[in-house]
Protein backbone atom coordinates (compact mmCIF):
# COMPACT_ATOMS: atom_id res chain seq x y z
CA MET A 1 -39.35 26.69 -9.81
CA PHE A 2 -38.59 23.52 -7.83
CA LYS A 3 -42.04 23.70 -6.24
CA ASP A 4 -43.92 23.98 -9.53
CA LYS A 5 -41.92 21.25 -11.28
CA LEU A 6 -42.18 18.83 -8.37
CA ALA A 7 -45.96 19.23 -8.35
CA GLU A 8 -45.94 18.31 -12.05
CA ILE A 9 -43.60 15.35 -11.47
CA LEU A 10 -45.78 13.82 -8.75
CA ASN A 11 -48.73 13.64 -11.14
CA TYR A 12 -46.91 10.86 -13.00
CA PHE A 13 -46.67 8.53 -9.98
CA GLU A 14 -48.74 6.10 -7.97
CA PRO A 15 -47.82 6.81 -4.32
CA VAL A 16 -46.21 4.11 -2.20
CA GLN A 17 -48.77 2.10 -0.25
CA LEU A 18 -47.15 1.36 3.08
CA ARG A 19 -49.94 -1.05 3.98
CA ASP A 20 -48.63 -3.38 1.27
CA PHE A 21 -45.38 -3.90 3.18
CA GLU A 22 -45.00 -7.21 5.00
CA GLY A 23 -43.52 -5.27 7.91
CA SER A 24 -43.18 -1.54 8.49
CA PHE A 25 -40.82 -1.65 11.48
CA PHE A 26 -38.38 0.51 9.54
CA LEU A 27 -40.65 3.52 10.02
CA ASN A 28 -39.81 3.50 13.72
CA ASP A 29 -36.13 2.70 13.20
CA GLU A 30 -34.13 5.90 12.87
CA THR A 31 -31.18 4.00 11.40
CA SER A 32 -33.10 2.45 8.48
CA VAL A 33 -33.25 3.56 4.87
CA GLY A 34 -37.04 3.54 5.04
CA ASN A 35 -37.01 6.02 7.89
CA TRP A 36 -34.42 8.15 6.11
CA PHE A 37 -36.14 8.49 2.71
CA LEU A 38 -38.72 11.08 1.80
CA ILE A 39 -41.55 8.77 0.74
CA ASN A 40 -44.29 9.78 -1.64
CA GLY A 41 -46.79 7.53 0.11
CA ILE A 42 -50.49 7.24 0.71
CA GLY A 43 -51.31 9.43 3.70
CA GLN A 44 -47.90 11.12 3.64
CA MET A 45 -47.45 12.30 0.08
CA LEU A 46 -44.52 14.49 -0.83
CA GLN A 47 -45.32 18.17 -0.86
CA PRO A 48 -44.29 20.52 -3.68
CA THR A 49 -42.09 22.27 -1.13
CA SER A 50 -40.05 19.09 -0.50
CA LYS A 51 -36.36 19.34 -1.39
CA PHE A 52 -34.08 16.43 -2.30
CA GLU A 53 -30.88 15.76 -4.26
CA LEU A 54 -31.64 12.23 -5.45
CA ALA A 55 -34.86 10.57 -6.64
CA ILE A 56 -35.70 6.88 -7.00
CA ILE A 57 -38.22 5.80 -9.64
CA PHE A 58 -39.74 2.30 -9.74
CA VAL A 59 -41.06 1.24 -13.17
CA ASP A 60 -42.89 -2.05 -13.71
CA ALA A 61 -42.79 -2.04 -17.51
CA TYR A 62 -41.55 -4.55 -20.08
CA VAL A 63 -41.34 -4.42 -23.86
CA ASN A 64 -43.61 -7.45 -24.18
CA PRO A 65 -46.38 -7.19 -21.58
CA SER A 66 -47.48 -10.74 -22.35
CA ASN A 67 -44.42 -12.03 -20.50
CA ASP A 68 -45.58 -13.64 -17.30
CA HIS A 69 -43.36 -11.55 -15.04
CA SER A 70 -44.08 -10.81 -11.40
CA ALA A 71 -45.75 -7.44 -10.88
CA HIS A 72 -44.63 -7.56 -7.24
CA THR A 73 -40.94 -7.13 -8.09
CA PRO A 74 -40.73 -3.31 -7.55
CA GLN A 75 -42.45 -3.55 -4.18
CA LEU A 76 -40.20 -6.40 -3.04
CA ILE A 77 -37.07 -4.44 -3.98
CA ARG A 78 -38.43 -1.39 -2.16
CA GLU A 79 -39.07 -3.44 1.01
CA GLU A 80 -35.55 -4.90 1.04
CA LEU A 81 -34.03 -1.48 0.38
CA TYR A 82 -36.00 0.11 3.22
CA LYS A 83 -34.70 -2.51 5.67
CA LEU A 84 -31.04 -1.57 5.11
CA ARG A 85 -29.10 0.89 7.26
CA LYS A 86 -29.12 4.50 6.14
CA VAL A 87 -25.92 5.84 4.62
CA SER A 88 -26.00 9.44 5.84
CA SER A 89 -28.42 11.84 7.45
CA GLY A 90 -27.11 14.68 5.28
CA LEU A 91 -28.40 13.42 1.91
CA ARG A 92 -32.06 13.96 1.02
CA ILE A 93 -33.49 11.13 -1.11
CA ALA A 94 -37.05 10.81 -2.39
CA ASP A 95 -38.86 7.61 -3.33
CA LEU A 96 -41.30 9.09 -5.84
CA GLY A 97 -43.33 5.88 -6.03
CA ASN A 98 -44.29 3.71 -9.00
CA LEU A 99 -44.34 5.42 -12.39
CA LYS A 100 -47.76 5.26 -14.02
CA THR A 101 -47.37 3.06 -17.08
CA GLY A 102 -49.05 3.88 -20.39
CA LYS A 103 -51.26 1.85 -22.69
CA ASN A 104 -48.12 0.56 -24.39
CA PHE A 105 -44.39 0.60 -23.76
CA ASN A 106 -43.77 3.68 -25.90
CA GLU A 107 -46.18 5.68 -23.78
CA THR A 108 -44.31 4.58 -20.67
CA LEU A 109 -41.01 5.61 -22.28
CA PHE A 110 -42.48 9.04 -23.01
CA THR A 111 -43.67 9.42 -19.41
CA LEU A 112 -40.26 8.43 -18.06
CA ARG A 113 -38.62 10.91 -20.42
CA GLU A 114 -40.88 13.72 -19.18
CA VAL A 115 -40.17 12.90 -15.54
CA CYS A 116 -36.41 12.63 -16.08
CA THR A 117 -36.36 15.90 -18.03
CA LEU A 118 -37.99 17.68 -15.10
CA LEU A 119 -35.73 16.03 -12.52
CA PHE A 120 -32.52 16.72 -14.44
CA SER A 121 -33.61 20.34 -14.89
CA LEU A 122 -33.75 20.54 -11.09
CA LYS A 123 -30.22 19.05 -10.83
CA VAL A 124 -31.63 15.92 -9.17
CA ASN A 125 -29.71 12.66 -9.54
CA VAL A 126 -31.97 9.85 -10.78
CA ILE A 127 -32.13 6.12 -10.03
CA VAL A 128 -34.50 4.02 -12.15
CA ILE A 129 -35.40 0.49 -11.06
CA GLY A 130 -37.15 -1.47 -13.85
CA GLY A 131 -38.47 -3.31 -15.83
CA SER A 132 -36.97 -3.64 -19.27
CA GLN A 133 -33.50 -2.26 -19.96
CA LEU A 134 -35.10 -0.43 -22.87
CA LEU A 135 -36.25 2.04 -20.20
CA THR A 136 -32.71 3.41 -20.51
CA LEU A 137 -34.03 5.28 -23.56
CA GLY A 138 -36.42 7.28 -21.39
CA THR A 139 -33.63 8.40 -19.06
CA PHE A 140 -31.30 9.12 -21.98
CA ARG A 141 -33.88 11.21 -23.82
CA GLY A 142 -34.56 13.20 -20.67
CA PHE A 143 -30.86 13.87 -20.15
CA LYS A 144 -30.17 14.92 -23.74
CA GLU A 145 -32.40 17.97 -23.21
CA PHE A 146 -29.51 19.47 -21.24
CA GLU A 147 -26.35 17.75 -22.47
CA ASN A 148 -24.75 16.53 -25.65
CA ASP A 149 -21.60 14.41 -25.95
CA ILE A 150 -23.20 12.00 -23.49
CA ASN A 151 -21.27 8.99 -22.19
CA LEU A 152 -23.45 5.90 -21.68
CA ILE A 153 -22.19 2.93 -19.67
CA HIS A 154 -23.87 -0.33 -20.74
CA ILE A 155 -23.32 -3.11 -18.19
CA ASP A 156 -24.63 -6.36 -19.60
CA SER A 157 -23.65 -9.92 -20.49
CA ARG A 158 -24.67 -9.06 -24.05
CA ILE A 159 -24.22 -6.06 -26.32
CA ASP A 160 -27.69 -4.79 -27.22
CA LEU A 161 -26.63 -3.69 -30.69
CA SER A 162 -27.86 -5.58 -33.76
CA THR A 163 -25.73 -5.58 -36.91
CA ASN A 164 -28.58 -6.86 -39.10
CA GLU A 165 -31.16 -4.22 -40.01
CA ASN A 166 -33.76 -6.93 -40.63
CA GLU A 167 -33.35 -8.27 -37.11
CA ILE A 168 -33.52 -5.00 -35.16
CA ASP A 169 -36.24 -5.12 -32.54
CA GLU A 170 -37.13 -3.18 -29.43
CA THR A 171 -34.62 -5.05 -27.28
CA HIS A 172 -31.68 -3.58 -29.20
CA TYR A 173 -31.92 -0.22 -27.53
CA LEU A 174 -28.34 0.76 -28.42
CA ASN A 175 -29.36 0.75 -32.09
CA GLN A 176 -32.02 3.33 -31.37
CA ILE A 177 -29.43 5.57 -29.72
CA VAL A 178 -26.78 5.08 -32.41
CA GLN A 179 -29.21 5.54 -35.31
CA HIS A 180 -31.52 8.23 -33.95
CA GLU A 181 -29.63 9.99 -31.15
CA ALA A 182 -26.09 9.93 -32.57
CA SER A 183 -25.59 13.68 -32.33
CA PHE A 184 -25.97 13.47 -28.54
CA ILE A 185 -23.58 10.56 -27.95
CA TYR A 186 -19.85 10.89 -27.39
CA ASN A 187 -19.15 7.39 -26.14
CA ILE A 188 -20.81 4.08 -25.28
CA SER A 189 -18.84 1.72 -23.05
CA CYS A 190 -20.01 -1.91 -22.99
CA VAL A 191 -18.80 -3.48 -19.75
CA GLY A 192 -18.82 -7.13 -18.73
CA TYR A 193 -20.03 -8.73 -21.97
CA GLN A 194 -19.52 -12.47 -22.41
CA THR A 195 -17.89 -13.32 -25.73
CA TYR A 196 -20.05 -16.36 -26.54
CA PHE A 197 -23.11 -14.07 -26.54
CA VAL A 198 -21.53 -11.51 -28.85
CA ASP A 199 -21.11 -11.55 -32.63
CA ASN A 200 -17.77 -10.39 -34.02
CA LYS A 201 -19.75 -7.99 -36.21
CA GLN A 202 -20.96 -6.24 -33.06
CA ILE A 203 -17.39 -5.71 -31.88
CA LYS A 204 -16.41 -4.49 -35.35
CA GLN A 205 -19.26 -1.98 -35.31
CA LEU A 206 -18.27 -0.70 -31.87
CA ASN A 207 -14.68 -0.31 -33.07
CA GLU A 208 -15.79 1.58 -36.18
CA LEU A 209 -17.71 4.00 -33.96
CA TYR A 210 -14.76 4.24 -31.52
CA PHE A 211 -16.95 2.98 -28.68
CA GLU A 212 -15.32 1.07 -25.85
CA HIS A 213 -15.94 -2.56 -24.88
CA TYR A 214 -14.60 -4.65 -22.01
CA ARG A 215 -14.92 -8.44 -21.78
CA LEU A 216 -16.02 -9.96 -18.49
CA GLY A 217 -12.76 -11.88 -18.15
CA ASP A 218 -10.63 -8.78 -18.76
CA VAL A 219 -12.59 -6.78 -16.20
CA LYS A 220 -12.27 -9.52 -13.60
CA ALA A 221 -8.54 -9.85 -14.23
CA SER A 222 -7.99 -6.18 -13.42
CA PHE A 223 -11.12 -4.77 -11.84
CA GLU A 224 -9.65 -1.34 -11.11
CA GLN A 225 -9.36 -0.62 -14.86
CA ILE A 226 -13.11 -0.19 -15.08
CA GLU A 227 -13.33 2.56 -12.45
CA PRO A 228 -12.22 5.42 -14.76
CA VAL A 229 -14.54 4.12 -17.51
CA ILE A 230 -17.54 4.34 -15.20
CA ARG A 231 -16.27 7.61 -13.71
CA ASP A 232 -16.53 9.15 -17.19
CA GLY A 233 -20.17 8.09 -17.57
CA ASP A 234 -23.18 10.37 -17.52
CA LEU A 235 -25.73 7.55 -17.45
CA VAL A 236 -25.22 3.95 -16.29
CA SER A 237 -27.52 1.16 -17.47
CA PHE A 238 -27.08 -2.04 -15.43
CA ASP A 239 -28.74 -5.26 -16.66
CA ILE A 240 -28.95 -7.84 -13.87
CA SER A 241 -28.03 -10.50 -16.47
CA SER A 242 -24.44 -9.27 -16.13
CA VAL A 243 -24.46 -11.03 -12.72
CA ARG A 244 -24.13 -14.82 -12.70
CA MET A 245 -27.34 -16.75 -12.07
CA SER A 246 -26.14 -18.39 -8.86
CA ASP A 247 -25.85 -14.91 -7.34
CA ALA A 248 -28.93 -13.48 -9.08
CA PRO A 249 -31.41 -16.20 -10.09
CA GLY A 250 -34.27 -13.73 -10.55
CA GLN A 251 -33.65 -13.08 -14.25
CA ILE A 252 -34.79 -14.47 -17.59
CA ASN A 253 -31.55 -14.26 -19.61
CA GLY A 254 -29.17 -15.53 -16.98
CA SER A 255 -25.82 -17.28 -17.42
CA PRO A 256 -23.66 -19.48 -15.16
CA ASN A 257 -20.94 -16.86 -15.66
CA GLY A 258 -20.98 -13.18 -14.85
CA PHE A 259 -20.05 -10.72 -12.16
CA PHE A 260 -20.17 -11.91 -8.56
CA ALA A 261 -22.64 -10.13 -6.29
CA ASP A 262 -19.92 -8.14 -4.53
CA GLU A 263 -18.49 -7.06 -7.89
CA ALA A 264 -21.91 -5.76 -8.96
CA CYS A 265 -22.03 -3.70 -5.77
CA ARG A 266 -18.52 -2.44 -6.43
CA ILE A 267 -19.54 -1.25 -9.91
CA ALA A 268 -22.54 0.54 -8.40
CA ARG A 269 -20.25 2.30 -5.94
CA TYR A 270 -17.94 3.35 -8.78
CA ALA A 271 -20.98 4.92 -10.45
CA GLY A 272 -22.15 6.60 -7.27
CA ILE A 273 -18.80 8.13 -6.40
CA SER A 274 -18.34 9.56 -9.90
CA ASP A 275 -18.83 13.31 -9.92
CA ARG A 276 -20.23 13.02 -13.43
CA VAL A 277 -22.86 10.24 -13.30
CA GLN A 278 -26.36 11.73 -13.17
CA GLY A 279 -28.49 8.66 -13.80
CA PHE A 280 -28.26 5.01 -12.74
CA GLY A 281 -30.65 2.29 -13.92
CA LEU A 282 -31.03 -1.29 -12.71
CA TYR A 283 -33.11 -3.52 -14.99
CA GLU A 284 -34.49 -6.95 -15.92
CA ILE A 285 -35.10 -8.27 -12.38
CA ASP A 286 -38.04 -10.66 -12.08
CA SER A 287 -38.96 -12.08 -8.68
CA LYS A 288 -40.93 -14.89 -10.36
CA TYR A 289 -37.64 -16.67 -11.05
CA ASP A 290 -35.96 -15.69 -7.80
CA SER A 291 -34.86 -18.01 -5.02
CA ASN A 292 -35.36 -16.87 -1.42
CA ASN A 293 -35.41 -13.27 -2.66
CA GLU A 294 -31.66 -13.45 -3.41
CA THR A 295 -31.88 -11.20 -6.47
CA ILE A 296 -34.29 -8.83 -4.74
CA LYS A 297 -31.85 -8.45 -1.85
CA LEU A 298 -28.93 -8.00 -4.23
CA ALA A 299 -30.83 -5.29 -6.13
CA ALA A 300 -31.43 -3.42 -2.86
CA GLN A 301 -27.75 -3.71 -1.96
CA ILE A 302 -26.65 -2.53 -5.42
CA ILE A 303 -28.76 0.61 -4.95
CA TRP A 304 -27.41 1.02 -1.40
CA TYR A 305 -23.83 0.97 -2.74
CA TYR A 306 -24.71 3.58 -5.35
CA LEU A 307 -26.03 5.80 -2.53
CA GLU A 308 -22.95 5.11 -0.42
CA GLY A 309 -20.75 6.12 -3.35
CA TYR A 310 -22.83 9.24 -3.94
CA ILE A 311 -22.36 10.33 -0.33
CA ASN A 312 -18.60 10.02 -0.78
CA ARG A 313 -18.25 12.03 -3.99
CA LYS A 314 -14.96 13.93 -3.97
CA HIS A 315 -16.17 16.97 -5.94
CA ASP A 316 -13.05 17.13 -8.04
CA PHE A 317 -13.04 17.23 -11.86
CA PRO A 318 -15.42 18.02 -13.54
CA GLN A 319 -16.99 19.66 -10.47
CA ALA A 320 -13.74 21.42 -9.61
CA SER A 321 -10.99 23.01 -11.66
CA LEU A 322 -7.94 21.10 -12.85
CA ASN A 323 -5.99 23.75 -10.97
CA ASP A 324 -6.64 21.54 -7.93
CA CYS A 325 -4.59 18.78 -9.58
CA THR A 326 -0.87 18.13 -10.05
CA LYS A 327 0.04 18.24 -13.74
CA TYR A 328 2.47 15.82 -15.41
CA ASP A 329 3.75 16.13 -18.99
CA VAL A 330 4.95 12.84 -20.47
CA GLN A 331 6.74 12.79 -23.82
CA ILE A 332 6.25 9.70 -25.99
CA ASP A 333 8.35 8.98 -29.08
CA GLU A 334 5.39 8.09 -31.32
CA ILE A 335 3.72 11.50 -31.04
CA ASP A 336 5.07 15.01 -31.44
CA PHE A 337 3.66 16.48 -28.25
CA PRO A 338 3.49 15.36 -24.62
CA ILE A 339 0.51 13.61 -23.08
CA VAL A 340 -0.70 15.66 -20.16
CA PHE A 341 -1.83 13.84 -17.00
CA TYR A 342 -3.57 15.29 -13.96
CA ARG A 343 -3.66 13.81 -10.47
CA SER A 344 -6.25 15.13 -8.05
CA ASN A 345 -4.70 16.56 -4.88
CA LYS A 346 -7.95 15.73 -3.11
CA SER A 347 -8.79 12.16 -4.13
CA GLY A 348 -5.63 10.88 -5.84
CA ARG A 349 -7.63 10.00 -8.98
CA TRP A 350 -6.09 10.48 -12.42
CA TRP A 351 -7.12 12.09 -15.73
CA LEU A 352 -5.39 12.60 -19.05
CA GLU A 353 -5.80 15.29 -21.68
CA VAL A 354 -6.45 14.35 -25.31
CA LYS A 355 -5.63 16.74 -28.15
CA THR A 356 -5.23 16.28 -31.88
CA VAL A 357 -2.30 17.81 -33.70
CA GLN A 358 -4.61 20.55 -34.99
CA ASN A 359 -5.76 21.29 -31.47
CA GLN A 360 -2.15 21.54 -30.37
CA ILE A 361 -1.49 24.20 -32.99
CA ASN A 362 -4.71 26.15 -32.51
CA ASP A 363 -4.83 25.72 -28.75
CA ALA A 364 -8.47 24.60 -29.10
CA GLU A 365 -10.50 22.96 -26.37
CA SER A 366 -9.29 19.50 -25.42
CA VAL A 367 -11.01 16.44 -23.99
CA ILE A 368 -10.27 15.34 -20.42
CA VAL A 369 -10.58 11.58 -19.92
CA SER A 370 -10.48 9.62 -16.66
CA CYS A 371 -7.64 7.14 -16.34
CA THR A 372 -5.62 5.19 -13.77
CA GLU A 373 -2.16 5.62 -12.36
CA GLN A 374 -1.20 2.59 -14.45
CA ASP A 375 -1.96 4.62 -17.59
CA TYR A 376 0.48 7.27 -16.38
CA LEU A 377 3.14 4.67 -15.60
CA LYS A 378 2.58 3.08 -19.01
CA ALA A 379 3.18 6.46 -20.67
CA CYS A 380 6.36 6.87 -18.62
CA LYS A 381 7.55 3.65 -20.26
CA ASN A 382 7.01 5.25 -23.67
CA GLU A 383 3.75 3.42 -24.36
CA ILE A 384 0.52 5.14 -25.46
CA PRO A 385 -2.35 4.41 -23.03
CA ASP A 386 -5.37 2.76 -24.66
CA ARG A 387 -7.79 5.37 -23.32
CA TRP A 388 -5.73 8.19 -24.84
CA TRP A 389 -5.52 6.44 -28.19
CA ILE A 390 -9.23 5.65 -28.61
CA ASN A 391 -10.22 9.21 -27.71
CA PHE A 392 -7.56 10.64 -30.00
CA LYS A 393 -9.01 8.67 -32.94
CA LYS A 394 -12.50 9.80 -31.95
CA LEU A 395 -11.46 13.47 -32.07
CA LYS A 396 -9.68 13.01 -35.39
């Protein structure tokens, strides 16, 4: 099955042209990423018998093709990524090449969906490097063929959700998910948004849908709080505009404020080390506006940190049973039943169990949500953790 599907997948790609690289020294360097990857390249194309656990897709596609963006951006990111040191010799990663774009953006979205559907069916983890953040829709639509109750992590300086039906355009991709894919979504977490770019109506709409949102300042004040949020994600969509312009000048919608470069890499590692995340996308990078390839280099390092996190996955919940965890029951005065916490004996990470009153009576299936030790300590002080409360309301 893998052989037949991979042959179909490769038909959607333009192979990597190694002759376009400014330098190909990495091919002779056994410690480099470029030497480590399985490359679908001219003269050394991947074979249908090739096996890999993770695939990288480069997509040079924007909603408005009239934008004078640099078509060299994907190749520049690839070159910088190939120069870095390999993470592990045990992980097999394929660079599938550049996705063939369609006559319009919707055709490209359809192609990306088809490719992601095939890759997810083969249990392959997917990295997409774009292009417009709207490409997230292609990955999402591929993933929904196999899962519902999907958790999407939206990392951006803005919240791409319009509250005015007359103003909805293709850049508000969250609207398309909320309005047309709602039956497949359990949660959307907006991480790192900057308040002066966000309308209060957007926050109100997120609250009404019981979706989570985290201001840039709050994340920076306590960075560890965001780890369980990302750990619960299935797909992560990372807009480079969430990084401040001085660290990532190669972007159109930049801001003086945002995540620092090292914080962006830390977020990528959180996503990589999650046992649940199946897709990671990095979008809106344009080398035309870059300075000394700073953003290109940062993009390569963000991907490297995702790979480094992936190598270090702990394979505890949901990959392993909660029987491998220590269970803690915490009684809180405001509710009639204890909140159940689990601490992994392997990694030390925490989860909590969310049940409604009806579920308590009927012993129905509960929801397990990632959390921090601080959430457990907060419960021990007779306070309801925010992550328990928002999921409780969602179930109700």
